[in-house]
Amino acid sequence: MSENRANRQLTQSGDEVSLGRLGDFVGFRLRRVQNQLSRNFAAMTAQQGLRSGLFSSLAIISANPGISQVDLSREVAMDKSVAVSIVDELEASGWALRKRSESDRRRHALFITPAGQAHLDELFALVERAENAVLHQLTPGEMHLLSELLDRMYAACRETIG
């Protein structure tokens, strides 16, 4: 494939750097954007000592009251043992509760606390600020299309990988 303008990037010094064949791969390009957004969010939350996976886990618990630890670990794409330690930390912070499921006593159901919801609202404000610094480049229609495309790609990944 011939290299197009989209596969060339400017460095901080203004020099152009070629992505070469990497520019042909969506996964690489998505990861680059995700890495930068994550760095920006991490810098904004550094003083809080926010551990990786804590924000997304708390957000998933908030959106899915009673979700199991197994489903949480799958949804945030982390090992089950890591998810357990995240839930332990959320509980110790007073942000989430773990209760035995009434329908399956082997399963734990997860719930956000009022303090956890307040903290999550603060974190969402920070992540919105971090993303707005980049996403202002897109029109509302482009943002809608991007969201739709990412959801379709994720669904395809889930079907393919399981």
Protein backbone atom coordinates (compact mmCIF):
# COMPACT_ATOMS: atom_id res chain seq x y z
CA MET A 1 0.00 0.00 0.00
CA SER A 2 1.19 3.47 -0.71
CA GLU A 3 1.61 5.69 2.27
CA ASN A 4 -0.93 8.47 2.49
CA ARG A 5 -0.87 11.74 4.40
CA ALA A 6 -2.85 10.18 7.29
CA ASN A 7 0.05 7.79 7.90
CA ARG A 8 2.46 10.66 8.50
CA GLN A 9 2.51 12.40 11.85
CA LEU A 10 4.19 15.53 13.13
CA THR A 11 6.51 15.25 16.11
CA GLN A 12 6.63 17.90 18.83
CA SER A 13 9.58 19.46 17.02
CA GLY A 14 7.50 19.71 13.83
CA ASP A 15 9.31 16.95 11.96
CA GLU A 16 7.23 14.38 10.11
CA VAL A 17 7.49 10.76 11.18
CA SER A 18 6.13 7.99 9.00
CA LEU A 19 4.01 5.29 10.59
CA GLY A 20 4.92 3.05 7.69
CA ARG A 21 2.89 -0.13 7.53
CA LEU A 22 1.64 0.45 11.10
CA GLY A 23 -0.57 3.21 9.71
CA ASP A 24 -2.53 0.56 7.81
CA PHE A 25 -3.68 -1.14 11.03
CA VAL A 26 -6.70 0.18 12.90
CA GLY A 27 -5.68 -1.57 16.12
CA PHE A 28 -2.38 0.29 16.27
CA ARG A 29 -3.99 3.63 15.55
CA LEU A 30 -6.77 3.08 18.10
CA ARG A 31 -4.24 2.02 20.72
CA ARG A 32 -2.18 5.17 20.11
CA VAL A 33 -5.20 7.39 20.75
CA GLN A 34 -6.24 5.27 23.76
CA ASN A 35 -2.73 5.49 25.23
CA GLN A 36 -2.71 9.27 24.95
CA LEU A 37 -6.19 9.64 26.44
CA SER A 38 -5.20 7.29 29.28
CA ARG A 39 -2.05 9.29 29.98
CA ASN A 40 -4.06 12.53 30.10
CA PHE A 41 -6.63 10.97 32.48
CA ALA A 42 -3.88 9.46 34.64
CA ALA A 43 -2.19 12.85 34.93
CA MET A 44 -5.48 14.45 36.01
CA THR A 45 -6.09 11.76 38.66
CA ALA A 46 -2.49 11.27 39.82
CA GLN A 47 -3.07 12.97 43.17
CA GLN A 48 -5.89 10.49 43.90
CA GLY A 49 -3.68 7.43 43.38
CA LEU A 50 -6.30 5.93 41.07
CA ARG A 51 -5.28 2.39 40.17
CA SER A 52 -5.73 1.10 36.63
CA GLY A 53 -9.10 -0.57 36.20
CA LEU A 54 -10.71 1.09 39.20
CA PHE A 55 -12.57 3.78 37.28
CA SER A 56 -13.93 1.45 34.60
CA SER A 57 -14.90 -1.17 37.18
CA LEU A 58 -16.76 1.37 39.29
CA ALA A 59 -18.52 2.74 36.19
CA ILE A 60 -19.60 -0.76 35.07
CA ILE A 61 -20.88 -1.57 38.58
CA SER A 62 -22.84 1.69 38.64
CA ALA A 63 -24.42 0.99 35.25
CA ASN A 64 -25.18 -2.65 36.12
CA PRO A 65 -26.30 -2.97 39.75
CA GLY A 66 -25.89 -6.57 40.89
CA ILE A 67 -23.34 -7.48 38.21
CA SER A 68 -21.21 -10.50 39.11
CA GLN A 69 -17.45 -10.30 39.59
CA VAL A 70 -17.03 -12.72 36.67
CA ASP A 71 -19.08 -10.52 34.35
CA LEU A 72 -17.25 -7.43 35.58
CA SER A 73 -13.85 -9.00 34.88
CA ARG A 74 -14.96 -9.97 31.36
CA GLU A 75 -16.41 -6.54 30.62
CA VAL A 76 -13.32 -4.60 31.74
CA ALA A 77 -11.05 -7.21 30.12
CA MET A 78 -9.02 -8.17 33.17
CA ASP A 79 -8.09 -11.43 34.81
CA LYS A 80 -10.60 -12.61 37.42
CA SER A 81 -8.01 -12.42 40.20
CA VAL A 82 -7.23 -8.80 39.30
CA ALA A 83 -10.95 -8.01 39.29
CA VAL A 84 -11.27 -9.49 42.78
CA SER A 85 -8.47 -7.23 44.06
CA ILE A 86 -10.12 -4.22 42.37
CA VAL A 87 -13.44 -5.08 44.05
CA ASP A 88 -11.59 -5.50 47.37
CA GLU A 89 -10.15 -2.01 46.93
CA LEU A 90 -13.54 -0.54 45.94
CA GLU A 91 -15.08 -2.08 49.06
CA ALA A 92 -12.26 -0.90 51.33
CA SER A 93 -12.72 2.64 49.95
CA GLY A 94 -16.44 2.48 50.66
CA TRP A 95 -17.31 2.89 46.97
CA ALA A 96 -18.87 -0.52 46.28
CA LEU A 97 -20.56 -3.39 48.10
CA ARG A 98 -20.24 -7.08 47.43
CA LYS A 99 -23.28 -9.17 48.42
CA ARG A 100 -24.08 -12.84 47.96
CA SER A 101 -26.50 -13.28 45.11
CA GLU A 102 -29.95 -14.33 46.24
CA SER A 103 -30.42 -16.50 43.15
CA ASP A 104 -26.97 -18.15 43.21
CA ARG A 105 -25.16 -18.25 46.56
CA ARG A 106 -21.82 -18.99 44.81
CA ARG A 107 -21.98 -15.65 43.03
CA HIS A 108 -21.26 -12.17 44.40
CA ALA A 109 -23.43 -9.29 43.23
CA LEU A 110 -21.78 -5.87 43.11
CA PHE A 111 -23.39 -2.54 43.93
CA ILE A 112 -22.12 1.04 44.03
CA THR A 113 -22.50 3.04 47.25
CA PRO A 114 -23.61 6.68 47.42
CA ALA A 115 -19.98 7.64 48.18
CA GLY A 116 -18.87 5.57 45.20
CA GLN A 117 -21.39 7.31 42.95
CA ALA A 118 -20.19 10.73 44.11
CA HIS A 119 -16.57 9.73 43.44
CA LEU A 120 -17.52 8.28 40.05
CA ASP A 121 -19.25 11.54 39.10
CA GLU A 122 -16.02 13.42 39.90
CA LEU A 123 -14.00 10.96 37.81
CA PHE A 124 -16.39 11.25 34.87
CA ALA A 125 -15.95 15.03 34.96
CA LEU A 126 -12.18 14.51 34.71
CA VAL A 127 -12.38 11.95 31.90
CA GLU A 128 -14.74 14.24 30.00
CA ARG A 129 -12.24 17.08 30.36
CA ALA A 130 -9.39 14.80 29.19
CA GLU A 131 -11.33 13.61 26.14
CA ASN A 132 -12.74 17.02 25.20
CA ALA A 133 -9.20 18.26 24.70
CA VAL A 134 -8.98 15.83 21.77
CA LEU A 135 -12.54 15.17 20.65
CA HIS A 136 -13.32 18.80 19.87
CA GLN A 137 -11.76 17.95 16.50
CA LEU A 138 -14.89 15.94 15.62
CA THR A 139 -18.37 17.22 14.82
CA PRO A 140 -21.32 15.79 16.80
CA GLY A 141 -22.22 13.70 13.75
CA GLU A 142 -18.67 12.35 13.51
CA MET A 143 -18.71 11.55 17.24
CA HIS A 144 -21.97 9.63 16.81
CA LEU A 145 -20.55 7.74 13.83
CA LEU A 146 -17.29 6.99 15.68
CA SER A 147 -19.23 5.64 18.68
CA GLU A 148 -21.38 3.47 16.43
CA LEU A 149 -18.37 2.10 14.54
CA LEU A 150 -16.44 1.35 17.75
CA ASP A 151 -19.46 -0.50 19.19
CA ARG A 152 -19.79 -2.58 16.01
CA MET A 153 -16.08 -3.38 16.05
CA TYR A 154 -16.26 -4.39 19.72
CA ALA A 155 -19.27 -6.63 19.05
CA ALA A 156 -17.37 -8.30 16.21
CA CYS A 157 -14.37 -8.82 18.49
CA ARG A 158 -16.59 -10.42 21.14
CA GLU A 159 -18.12 -12.76 18.55
CA THR A 160 -14.76 -13.68 17.06
CA ILE A 161 -12.75 -14.04 20.26
CA GLY A 162 -15.58 -15.05 22.57
